[in-house]
Amino acid sequence: MILQRRQMSADVPAMAMGDIAFLLLIFFIILARVTDDSHVKVNKADGTELQKPQSKRVGIAIDTNQVTYLNGVRINPDMISDALYKPDAPPGQRGLLGDQPPGQRTVLLKIDKDTPASMFEPVIEAVSRAGGELHHVLEEKMN
């Protein structure tokens, strides 16, 4: 008597797909650091009657050594405008500001108080060319 071999099936269990997707989502949320500029040392200027921006899309910092950072990553100031907005790129690849509507194109600018204007003026111009809404980050001055 000859016995028939069973066919091996290679089906992917559909019930586990939702669990796997959920775990991957949690994994990437935990590991993702959108803007980590804690290593950038900036002595902020003082200000009074400060207001918090309603949204934060991008952070630019110029540290005590006059080095420019975009979202915590060192960048050449000439490259900021292209990194923020590329109008000729396909949707979804138009830079950090992308196709966000006005009011959601906020760029936080942290500048060391001893930085000369020749260092931060090109950054301000680049943000303006990209259509960003600039907010200068200051330290609250206590009276």
Protein backbone atom coordinates (compact mmCIF):
# COMPACT_ATOMS: atom_id res chain seq x y z
CA MET A 1 0.00 0.00 0.00
CA ILE A 2 1.35 3.40 -1.06
CA LEU A 3 0.65 6.41 1.15
CA GLN A 4 0.19 9.83 -0.43
CA ARG A 5 2.40 12.62 0.86
CA ARG A 6 0.70 15.69 2.21
CA GLN A 7 1.27 18.90 0.35
CA MET A 8 3.07 21.48 2.48
CA SER A 9 1.31 24.81 2.51
CA ALA A 10 3.20 28.07 2.80
CA ASP A 11 0.35 30.38 3.74
CA VAL A 12 1.04 33.48 5.74
CA PRO A 13 -1.31 33.67 8.74
CA ALA A 14 -3.45 36.75 8.19
CA MET A 15 -4.26 37.14 11.89
CA ALA A 16 -0.64 37.90 12.73
CA MET A 17 -0.29 40.67 10.13
CA GLY A 18 -2.12 43.22 12.26
CA ASP A 19 0.06 42.40 15.27
CA ILE A 20 3.24 42.68 13.23
CA ALA A 21 2.18 46.02 11.72
CA PHE A 22 1.31 47.37 15.17
CA LEU A 23 4.64 46.30 16.65
CA LEU A 24 6.56 47.83 13.75
CA LEU A 25 4.64 51.06 14.15
CA ILE A 26 5.47 51.23 17.86
CA PHE A 27 9.11 50.38 17.12
CA PHE A 28 9.51 53.24 14.63
CA ILE A 29 7.65 55.74 16.79
CA ILE A 30 9.95 55.01 19.72
CA LEU A 31 13.13 55.20 17.65
CA ALA A 32 12.19 58.20 15.53
CA ARG A 33 13.69 61.47 16.64
CA VAL A 34 12.23 64.25 14.60
CA THR A 35 14.27 67.08 16.04
CA ASP A 36 16.96 66.27 18.53
CA ASP A 37 19.17 69.29 18.91
CA SER A 38 20.08 68.72 22.56
CA HIS A 39 23.78 68.55 21.61
CA VAL A 40 23.69 72.08 20.12
CA LYS A 41 24.87 74.67 22.64
CA VAL A 42 23.12 78.02 22.20
CA ASN A 43 23.12 81.00 24.57
CA LYS A 44 19.75 82.52 23.69
CA ALA A 45 19.09 86.23 23.78
CA ASP A 46 16.69 87.62 26.38
CA GLY A 47 13.16 88.76 25.58
CA THR A 48 9.96 89.86 27.29
CA GLU A 49 6.30 89.10 26.54
CA LEU A 50 7.23 86.00 24.54
CA GLN A 51 4.67 83.91 22.69
CA LYS A 52 4.84 80.21 21.90
CA PRO A 53 4.33 79.21 18.27
CA GLN A 54 1.25 77.07 17.67
CA SER A 55 3.10 74.46 15.63
CA LYS A 56 6.70 73.43 15.15
CA ARG A 57 7.73 71.98 11.82
CA VAL A 58 11.49 72.61 11.60
CA GLY A 59 14.24 73.78 13.94
CA ILE A 60 17.35 75.69 12.85
CA ALA A 61 20.11 76.53 15.31
CA ILE A 62 23.37 78.47 15.13
CA ASP A 63 25.52 77.45 18.08
CA THR A 64 28.25 79.18 20.08
CA ASN A 65 30.84 78.11 17.46
CA GLN A 66 28.69 79.64 14.68
CA VAL A 67 27.86 76.23 13.18
CA THR A 68 24.41 75.88 11.58
CA TYR A 69 22.15 72.90 12.33
CA LEU A 70 18.87 71.85 10.70
CA ASN A 71 16.82 69.61 13.02
CA GLY A 72 19.98 68.80 14.94
CA VAL A 73 22.06 67.87 11.88
CA ARG A 74 24.93 70.07 10.74
CA ILE A 75 24.17 71.79 7.43
CA ASN A 76 25.71 74.35 5.10
CA PRO A 77 23.56 77.53 5.29
CA ASP A 78 23.40 77.60 1.47
CA MET A 79 21.53 74.26 1.51
CA ILE A 80 18.76 75.30 3.92
CA SER A 81 16.33 76.66 1.33
CA ASP A 82 16.43 73.43 -0.72
CA ALA A 83 16.10 71.28 2.39
CA LEU A 84 13.00 73.19 3.47
CA TYR A 85 11.14 73.35 0.16
CA LYS A 86 11.70 71.99 -3.36
CA PRO A 87 8.83 73.22 -5.57
CA ASP A 88 9.84 71.10 -8.58
CA ALA A 89 9.90 67.80 -6.66
CA PRO A 90 6.95 65.39 -6.72
CA PRO A 91 4.43 65.60 -3.86
CA GLY A 92 5.72 63.99 -0.68
CA GLN A 93 9.33 64.83 -1.57
CA ARG A 94 9.19 68.61 -1.45
CA GLY A 95 11.34 69.08 1.62
CA LEU A 96 10.67 69.51 5.30
CA LEU A 97 7.99 72.16 4.85
CA GLY A 98 6.49 70.38 1.85
CA ASP A 99 3.00 71.46 0.87
CA GLN A 100 1.94 72.48 4.38
CA PRO A 101 -0.61 75.33 4.47
CA PRO A 102 0.21 78.70 6.02
CA GLY A 103 0.18 78.48 9.80
CA GLN A 104 1.85 75.06 9.72
CA ARG A 105 5.12 76.11 8.06
CA THR A 106 6.76 77.14 11.33
CA VAL A 107 10.56 77.28 11.54
CA LEU A 108 12.06 77.81 15.00
CA LEU A 109 15.32 79.74 14.86
CA LYS A 110 17.74 79.48 17.79
CA ILE A 111 20.71 81.80 17.47
CA ASP A 112 23.53 82.25 19.94
CA LYS A 113 23.34 85.81 21.25
CA ASP A 114 26.95 86.54 20.22
CA THR A 115 26.49 85.43 16.59
CA PRO A 116 27.18 88.23 14.10
CA ALA A 117 24.43 89.25 11.66
CA SER A 118 26.51 88.05 8.71
CA MET A 119 26.00 84.49 9.98
CA PHE A 120 22.24 84.49 10.57
CA GLU A 121 20.97 86.82 7.83
CA PRO A 122 21.54 84.20 5.06
CA VAL A 123 19.59 81.68 7.18
CA ILE A 124 16.67 84.10 7.54
CA GLU A 125 16.71 84.72 3.77
CA ALA A 126 16.74 80.98 3.06
CA VAL A 127 13.73 80.40 5.32
CA SER A 128 11.92 83.28 3.64
CA ARG A 129 12.65 81.88 0.14
CA ALA A 130 11.26 78.51 1.22
CA GLY A 131 8.06 80.11 2.50
CA GLY A 132 8.72 79.29 6.14
CA GLU A 133 7.21 81.25 9.01
CA LEU A 134 10.13 82.22 11.21
CA HIS A 135 9.96 82.26 15.02
CA HIS A 136 13.04 83.40 16.91
CA VAL A 137 13.56 81.40 20.10
CA LEU A 138 14.49 83.59 23.08
CA GLU A 139 14.95 83.15 26.83
CA GLU A 140 12.23 84.68 29.02
CA LYS A 141 13.75 87.62 30.89
CA MET A 142 12.60 87.69 34.49
CA ASN A 143 12.06 91.19 35.90
